[in-house]
N, C-alpha and C. Protein backbone atom coordinates (compact mmCIF):
# COMPACT_ATOMS: atom_id res chain seq x y z
N UNK A 1 19.78 -10.30 34.05
CA UNK A 1 18.37 -10.57 33.16
C UNK A 1 17.16 -10.41 33.73
N UNK A 2 16.24 -9.81 33.40
CA UNK A 2 14.49 -9.41 33.46
C UNK A 2 14.10 -10.85 33.61
N UNK A 3 13.15 -10.55 34.50
CA UNK A 3 11.95 -11.87 34.65
C UNK A 3 11.09 -11.29 33.47
N UNK A 4 10.67 -12.84 33.05
CA UNK A 4 9.26 -12.28 32.13
C UNK A 4 7.83 -11.78 32.85
N UNK A 5 7.11 -11.64 32.13
CA UNK A 5 5.77 -10.77 32.77
C UNK A 5 5.16 -12.05 33.76
N UNK A 6 4.52 -11.84 35.17
CA UNK A 6 4.13 -11.98 36.09
C UNK A 6 3.08 -12.89 35.02
N UNK A 7 2.29 -14.27 35.99
CA UNK A 7 1.46 -15.43 34.84
C UNK A 7 0.04 -14.52 35.26
N UNK A 8 0.01 -13.18 35.66
CA UNK A 8 -1.30 -12.52 35.60
C UNK A 8 -1.52 -11.90 34.89
N UNK A 9 -0.14 -11.40 34.25
CA UNK A 9 -0.16 -9.72 33.51
C UNK A 9 -0.91 -9.93 31.97
N UNK A 10 -1.52 -9.02 31.46
CA UNK A 10 -2.17 -8.93 30.52
C UNK A 10 -1.20 -9.72 28.92
N UNK A 11 -0.01 -9.41 29.34
CA UNK A 11 0.96 -9.99 28.04
C UNK A 11 0.82 -11.48 28.21
N UNK A 12 0.75 -12.06 29.02
CA UNK A 12 0.41 -13.87 29.27
C UNK A 12 -1.03 -13.96 29.02
N UNK A 13 -1.87 -13.32 28.98
CA UNK A 13 -3.32 -13.50 28.60
C UNK A 13 -3.15 -13.56 26.64
N UNK A 14 -2.58 -12.60 26.38
CA UNK A 14 -2.59 -12.11 24.88
C UNK A 14 -1.84 -13.48 24.27
N UNK A 15 -0.75 -13.92 25.13
CA UNK A 15 -0.28 -15.50 24.59
C UNK A 15 -1.10 -16.45 24.53
N UNK A 16 -1.61 -16.75 25.63
CA UNK A 16 -2.76 -17.96 25.92
C UNK A 16 -3.93 -17.45 24.87
N UNK A 17 -3.88 -16.44 24.35
CA UNK A 17 -5.03 -16.40 23.25
C UNK A 17 -4.68 -16.91 22.34
N UNK A 18 -3.47 -16.58 22.16
CA UNK A 18 -2.63 -16.72 20.82
C UNK A 18 -2.57 -18.23 20.55
N UNK A 19 -2.12 -19.00 21.64
CA UNK A 19 -2.37 -20.58 21.19
C UNK A 19 -3.42 -21.08 21.04
N UNK A 20 -4.59 -20.40 21.89
CA UNK A 20 -5.70 -20.99 21.82
C UNK A 20 -6.65 -20.92 20.38
N UNK A 21 -6.06 -19.87 19.92
CA UNK A 21 -6.55 -19.35 18.62
C UNK A 21 -5.79 -20.21 17.33
N UNK A 22 -4.46 -20.51 17.68
CA UNK A 22 -3.75 -21.69 16.69
C UNK A 22 -4.48 -23.02 17.07
N UNK A 23 -4.68 -23.47 18.47
CA UNK A 23 -5.81 -24.93 18.38
C UNK A 23 -7.17 -24.65 17.82
N UNK A 24 -7.71 -23.89 18.14
CA UNK A 24 -8.83 -23.53 17.51
C UNK A 24 -8.73 -23.51 15.91
N UNK A 25 -7.83 -23.10 15.68
CA UNK A 25 -7.64 -23.21 14.06
C UNK A 25 -7.46 -24.30 13.57
N UNK A 26 -6.78 -25.46 14.11
CA UNK A 26 -6.52 -26.57 13.84
C UNK A 26 -7.76 -27.50 13.98
N UNK A 27 -9.04 -26.82 14.50
CA UNK A 27 -9.77 -28.00 14.90
C UNK A 27 -9.76 -28.47 16.74
N UNK A 28 -8.64 -28.32 17.01
CA UNK A 28 -8.19 -28.81 18.49
C UNK A 28 -8.89 -27.77 19.58
N UNK A 29 -10.14 -28.06 20.00
CA UNK A 29 -10.94 -27.46 20.85
C UNK A 29 -10.84 -27.39 21.96
N UNK A 30 -10.58 -28.96 22.55
CA UNK A 30 -10.16 -29.42 23.93
C UNK A 30 -9.11 -28.69 24.18
N UNK A 31 -8.08 -28.22 23.73
CA UNK A 31 -6.70 -27.91 24.01
C UNK A 31 -6.99 -26.25 24.15
N UNK A 32 -7.79 -25.68 23.18
CA UNK A 32 -7.95 -24.37 23.09
C UNK A 32 -9.08 -23.72 24.21
N UNK A 33 -10.17 -24.51 24.58
CA UNK A 33 -10.94 -23.98 25.93
C UNK A 33 -10.34 -23.62 26.50
N UNK A 34 -9.34 -24.39 27.57
CA UNK A 34 -8.95 -23.79 28.71
C UNK A 34 -7.89 -22.69 28.59
N UNK A 35 -7.53 -22.44 27.64
CA UNK A 35 -6.34 -21.54 27.47
C UNK A 35 -7.45 -20.10 27.05
N UNK A 36 -8.44 -20.41 26.41
CA UNK A 36 -9.21 -18.85 26.37
C UNK A 36 -9.74 -18.45 27.48
N UNK A 37 -10.10 -19.93 28.23
CA UNK A 37 -10.80 -19.57 29.63
C UNK A 37 -9.44 -19.09 30.79
N UNK A 38 -8.68 -19.25 30.69
CA UNK A 38 -7.44 -18.74 31.82
C UNK A 38 -7.31 -17.38 31.05
N UNK A 39 -7.27 -17.27 29.42
CA UNK A 39 -6.67 -15.91 29.13
C UNK A 39 -7.91 -14.70 29.60
N UNK A 40 -9.08 -15.17 29.35
CA UNK A 40 -10.24 -14.49 29.59
C UNK A 40 -10.14 -13.86 31.01
N UNK A 41 -9.50 -14.80 32.44
CA UNK A 41 -9.96 -14.75 33.60
C UNK A 41 -8.81 -13.89 34.09
N UNK A 42 -7.40 -13.55 33.23
CA UNK A 42 -6.06 -12.99 33.57
C UNK A 42 -6.76 -11.61 33.15
N UNK A 43 -7.23 -11.36 32.05
CA UNK A 43 -8.18 -10.20 31.68
C UNK A 43 -9.27 -9.35 32.60
N UNK A 44 -10.15 -10.32 33.10
CA UNK A 44 -10.88 -9.82 33.96
C UNK A 44 -10.65 -9.30 35.12
N UNK A 45 -9.52 -9.71 35.64
CA UNK A 45 -9.06 -9.82 36.97
C UNK A 45 -7.66 -8.36 36.78
N UNK A 46 -6.98 -8.41 35.86
CA UNK A 46 -6.33 -7.66 35.63
C UNK A 46 -6.67 -6.30 34.99
N UNK A 47 -7.56 -6.23 34.32
CA UNK A 47 -8.55 -4.85 33.24
C UNK A 47 -9.55 -4.91 34.12
N UNK A 48 -10.41 -5.35 34.37
CA UNK A 48 -11.35 -5.20 34.82
C UNK A 48 -12.68 -6.06 34.07
N UNK A 49 -14.09 -5.91 34.53
CA UNK A 49 -14.91 -6.70 33.73
C UNK A 49 -15.51 -5.95 32.25
N UNK A 50 -15.15 -5.04 32.57
CA UNK A 50 -15.79 -4.33 31.25
C UNK A 50 -14.82 -3.52 30.42
N UNK A 51 -13.43 -4.27 30.55
CA UNK A 51 -12.68 -3.95 29.66
C UNK A 51 -13.11 -4.23 28.35
N UNK A 52 -12.24 -3.18 27.27
CA UNK A 52 -12.38 -3.91 25.69
C UNK A 52 -11.88 -5.10 25.57
N UNK A 53 -10.39 -5.46 25.99
CA UNK A 53 -9.98 -6.58 26.00
C UNK A 53 -10.26 -7.30 26.45
N UNK A 54 -11.39 -7.65 27.66
CA UNK A 54 -12.29 -8.54 27.89
C UNK A 54 -13.29 -9.33 26.95
N UNK A 55 -14.01 -8.06 26.19
CA UNK A 55 -15.01 -8.19 25.50
C UNK A 55 -14.18 -9.15 23.94
N UNK A 56 -13.04 -8.72 24.06
CA UNK A 56 -12.24 -9.59 22.98
C UNK A 56 -12.46 -10.93 23.45
N UNK A 57 -12.18 -11.23 24.56
CA UNK A 57 -11.66 -12.56 24.82
C UNK A 57 -13.02 -13.37 24.85
N UNK A 58 -14.03 -12.62 25.47
CA UNK A 58 -15.25 -13.08 25.27
C UNK A 58 -16.12 -13.68 24.04
N UNK A 59 -15.47 -12.68 23.27
CA UNK A 59 -15.78 -12.85 21.55
C UNK A 59 -14.98 -13.98 21.14
N UNK A 60 -13.82 -14.34 21.31
CA UNK A 60 -12.93 -15.38 20.91
C UNK A 60 -13.60 -16.92 21.11
N UNK A 61 -14.09 -16.74 22.73
CA UNK A 61 -14.50 -18.05 23.61
C UNK A 61 -15.54 -18.02 22.70
N UNK A 62 -16.42 -17.40 22.51
CA UNK A 62 -18.13 -17.47 21.70
C UNK A 62 -17.77 -18.28 20.42
N UNK A 63 -16.88 -17.63 19.47
CA UNK A 63 -16.28 -18.10 18.25
C UNK A 63 -16.14 -19.53 18.29
N UNK A 64 -15.37 -20.25 19.08
CA UNK A 64 -14.52 -21.29 19.45
C UNK A 64 -16.08 -22.60 19.46
N UNK A 65 -17.05 -21.91 20.23
CA UNK A 65 -18.42 -22.50 20.76
C UNK A 65 -19.02 -22.44 19.41
N UNK A 66 -19.01 -21.50 18.75
CA UNK A 66 -19.92 -21.25 17.32
C UNK A 66 -19.31 -22.31 16.53
N UNK A 67 -17.97 -22.48 16.33
CA UNK A 67 -17.54 -23.81 15.41
C UNK A 67 -17.73 -24.93 16.12
N UNK A 68 -18.16 -25.05 16.76
CA UNK A 68 -18.29 -26.53 17.55
C UNK A 68 -20.06 -27.10 17.48
N UNK A 69 -21.07 -26.03 17.19
CA UNK A 69 -22.04 -25.70 17.32
C UNK A 69 -22.90 -25.61 18.71
N UNK A 70 -21.73 -25.21 19.55
CA UNK A 70 -22.20 -24.86 21.06
C UNK A 70 -23.16 -23.79 21.19
N UNK A 71 -24.20 -23.34 20.66
CA UNK A 71 -24.62 -22.18 20.40
C UNK A 71 -25.26 -21.79 22.12
N UNK A 72 -26.10 -22.70 22.57
CA UNK A 72 -26.15 -21.98 23.87
C UNK A 72 -24.95 -21.38 24.86
N UNK A 73 -24.02 -21.81 24.60
CA UNK A 73 -22.94 -21.56 25.73
C UNK A 73 -22.37 -20.43 24.81
N UNK A 74 -22.20 -19.97 23.57
CA UNK A 74 -21.43 -19.02 22.86
C UNK A 74 -22.84 -17.85 23.24
N UNK A 75 -23.98 -18.02 23.26
CA UNK A 75 -24.78 -16.93 22.95
C UNK A 75 -24.62 -15.85 24.11
N UNK A 76 -24.39 -16.19 25.31
CA UNK A 76 -24.32 -15.19 26.52
C UNK A 76 -22.77 -14.47 26.46
N UNK A 77 -22.26 -15.23 25.78
CA UNK A 77 -20.68 -14.42 25.31
C UNK A 77 -20.80 -13.63 24.63
N UNK A 78 -21.37 -14.06 23.48
CA UNK A 78 -21.35 -12.71 22.35
C UNK A 78 -22.45 -11.51 22.99
N UNK A 79 -23.44 -11.73 23.41
CA UNK A 79 -23.91 -10.60 24.09
C UNK A 79 -23.24 -10.04 25.23
N UNK A 80 -22.65 -10.25 25.82
CA UNK A 80 -21.76 -9.81 26.82
C UNK A 80 -20.84 -9.02 26.32
N UNK A 81 -20.00 -9.65 25.24
CA UNK A 81 -18.85 -9.09 24.38
C UNK A 81 -19.66 -7.81 23.81
N UNK A 82 -20.51 -7.69 23.11
CA UNK A 82 -21.65 -6.78 22.56
C UNK A 82 -21.65 -5.40 23.76
N UNK A 83 -22.33 -5.89 24.59
CA UNK A 83 -22.58 -5.04 25.68
C UNK A 83 -21.30 -4.10 26.12
N UNK A 84 -20.41 -4.97 26.59
CA UNK A 84 -19.00 -4.07 26.88
C UNK A 84 -18.57 -2.99 25.65
N UNK A 85 -18.26 -3.82 24.60
CA UNK A 85 -17.57 -2.69 23.39
C UNK A 85 -18.96 -1.66 23.22
N UNK A 86 -20.10 -1.87 23.12
CA UNK A 86 -21.09 -0.47 23.14
C UNK A 86 -20.88 0.30 24.52
N UNK A 87 -20.43 0.02 25.40
CA UNK A 87 -20.32 0.69 26.63
C UNK A 87 -18.67 1.43 26.62
N UNK A 88 -18.13 0.50 26.31
CA UNK A 88 -16.61 1.33 26.20
C UNK A 88 -16.25 2.22 24.82
N UNK A 89 -16.92 1.67 23.95
CA UNK A 89 -16.05 2.11 22.89
C UNK A 89 -17.27 3.08 22.06
N UNK A 90 -18.24 2.68 22.28
CA UNK A 90 -19.44 3.55 21.75
C UNK A 90 -20.28 2.76 20.60
N UNK A 91 -21.29 3.12 20.51
CA UNK A 91 -22.38 2.72 19.28
C UNK A 91 -22.01 1.74 18.10
N UNK A 92 -21.67 3.09 17.60
CA UNK A 92 -21.14 3.04 16.26
C UNK A 92 -19.32 2.80 15.72
N UNK A 93 -18.91 1.84 17.12
CA UNK A 93 -17.69 1.63 16.70
C UNK A 93 -17.40 0.29 15.89
N UNK A 94 -16.19 0.02 15.09
CA UNK A 94 -16.22 -1.33 14.31
C UNK A 94 -16.50 -2.44 15.11
N UNK A 95 -15.79 -2.28 16.37
CA UNK A 95 -15.98 -3.98 17.37
C UNK A 95 -17.51 -3.98 17.71
N UNK A 96 -18.11 -3.17 17.86
CA UNK A 96 -19.62 -3.13 17.74
C UNK A 96 -20.10 -3.88 16.79
N UNK A 97 -19.89 -3.23 15.51
CA UNK A 97 -20.39 -4.25 14.29
C UNK A 97 -19.59 -5.42 14.13
N UNK A 98 -18.46 -5.88 14.41
CA UNK A 98 -18.07 -7.12 14.60
C UNK A 98 -18.73 -8.05 15.55
N UNK A 99 -19.28 -7.63 16.77
CA UNK A 99 -20.08 -8.73 17.64
C UNK A 99 -21.10 -8.71 17.41
N UNK A 100 -22.11 -7.37 16.48
CA UNK A 100 -23.47 -7.73 15.88
C UNK A 100 -23.39 -8.90 14.92
N UNK A 101 -22.21 -8.72 13.99
CA UNK A 101 -22.32 -9.49 12.94
C UNK A 101 -22.08 -10.89 13.58
N UNK A 102 -21.12 -11.31 14.58
CA UNK A 102 -20.82 -12.24 15.11
C UNK A 102 -22.33 -12.98 15.89
N UNK A 103 -23.08 -12.54 16.65
CA UNK A 103 -24.12 -12.70 17.28
C UNK A 103 -25.67 -12.32 16.01
N UNK A 104 -25.59 -12.31 15.12
CA UNK A 104 -26.16 -12.37 13.96
C UNK A 104 -25.92 -13.45 13.14
N UNK A 105 -24.54 -14.25 13.04
CA UNK A 105 -24.48 -15.52 12.61
C UNK A 105 -24.95 -16.75 13.64
N UNK A 106 -25.05 -16.34 14.79
CA UNK A 106 -25.38 -17.28 15.83
C UNK A 106 -26.79 -17.59 15.78
N UNK A 107 -27.63 -16.06 15.31
CA UNK A 107 -29.04 -16.35 15.41
C UNK A 107 -29.39 -16.89 14.19
N UNK A 108 -28.53 -16.93 12.93
CA UNK A 108 -28.91 -17.47 11.59
C UNK A 108 -28.61 -19.24 11.83
N UNK A 109 -27.64 -19.48 12.84
CA UNK A 109 -27.26 -21.09 12.65
C UNK A 109 -28.47 -21.58 13.94
N UNK A 110 -29.25 -20.31 14.33
CA UNK A 110 -30.41 -21.41 15.25
C UNK A 110 -31.92 -20.93 14.64
N UNK A 111 -31.86 -20.24 13.44
CA UNK A 111 -33.24 -20.21 12.84
C UNK A 111 -34.23 -19.24 13.69
N UNK A 112 -33.24 -17.80 13.93
CA UNK A 112 -33.75 -16.77 14.50
C UNK A 112 -33.39 -15.74 13.37
N UNK A 113 -34.08 -15.78 11.98
CA UNK A 113 -33.87 -15.03 11.05
C UNK A 113 -33.96 -13.45 11.09
N UNK A 114 -35.31 -13.39 11.85
CA UNK A 114 -35.91 -12.09 12.03
C UNK A 114 -34.44 -10.89 13.05
N UNK A 115 -34.37 -11.86 13.97
CA UNK A 115 -33.45 -11.30 15.02
C UNK A 115 -31.63 -11.14 14.51
N UNK A 116 -31.50 -12.07 13.32
CA UNK A 116 -30.28 -11.96 12.58
C UNK A 116 -30.40 -10.85 11.89
N UNK A 117 -31.15 -10.52 11.09
CA UNK A 117 -31.45 -9.53 10.36
C UNK A 117 -31.70 -8.17 10.56
N UNK A 118 -32.35 -8.03 11.87
CA UNK A 118 -32.00 -6.86 12.80
C UNK A 118 -30.23 -6.42 13.04
N UNK A 119 -29.54 -7.17 13.42
CA UNK A 119 -28.42 -6.82 14.08
C UNK A 119 -27.49 -6.72 12.51
N UNK A 120 -27.68 -7.57 11.53
CA UNK A 120 -27.17 -7.08 10.20
C UNK A 120 -27.64 -6.05 9.96
N UNK A 121 -28.41 -5.33 9.49
CA UNK A 121 -28.65 -3.94 9.31
C UNK A 121 -28.22 -3.04 10.03
N UNK A 122 -28.17 -3.28 11.53
CA UNK A 122 -27.40 -2.41 12.39
C UNK A 122 -25.63 -2.39 12.13
N UNK A 123 -25.67 -3.46 12.03
CA UNK A 123 -23.82 -3.67 11.69
C UNK A 123 -23.45 -2.80 10.37
N UNK A 124 -24.13 -3.14 9.52
CA UNK A 124 -24.11 -2.49 8.31
C UNK A 124 -24.10 -1.13 8.02
N UNK A 125 -25.16 -0.34 8.94
CA UNK A 125 -25.20 0.99 9.53
C UNK A 125 -23.86 1.44 9.80
N UNK A 126 -23.00 0.42 10.86
CA UNK A 126 -22.38 1.32 11.53
C UNK A 126 -20.73 1.09 10.38
N UNK A 127 -20.79 0.02 9.64
CA UNK A 127 -19.83 -0.09 8.79
C UNK A 127 -19.83 0.46 7.31
N UNK A 128 -21.09 1.53 7.14
CA UNK A 128 -21.21 2.48 6.36
C UNK A 128 -20.77 4.02 6.75
N UNK A 129 -20.66 4.00 8.07
CA UNK A 129 -20.30 5.43 8.66
C UNK A 129 -18.83 5.59 8.31
N UNK A 130 -18.18 6.79 7.42
CA UNK A 130 -17.18 7.12 7.14
C UNK A 130 -16.25 7.46 8.05
N UNK A 131 -14.99 6.59 8.64
CA UNK A 131 -14.13 7.18 9.55
C UNK A 131 -12.99 8.18 9.10
């Protein structure tokens, strides 16, 4: 019988992320946070810091912080996620729109409405592109 994936394999990161998402959905942030962080560390090591999967991990951790009102912790993660997706996938990719929308929502929660509106307009333009 074969062994399972190594503890530093991206499949392990995906499982950790899924478990973290379950905890987050239940409002169990203290259980979710270390799993998101461990998943992110595995992805960064296995795939490199600029891989789109790393951006997904950053985005998920950021959304958990937003759910808790920890906007100062979430913002740099949102910005890094956006930068990775833009570089790796191009400026008009749907994942870029998602990152823009998430950052805009954070800006709205912190009363930065002009910044939020600019990001929302950019995201809407991406969403309007026929694929």
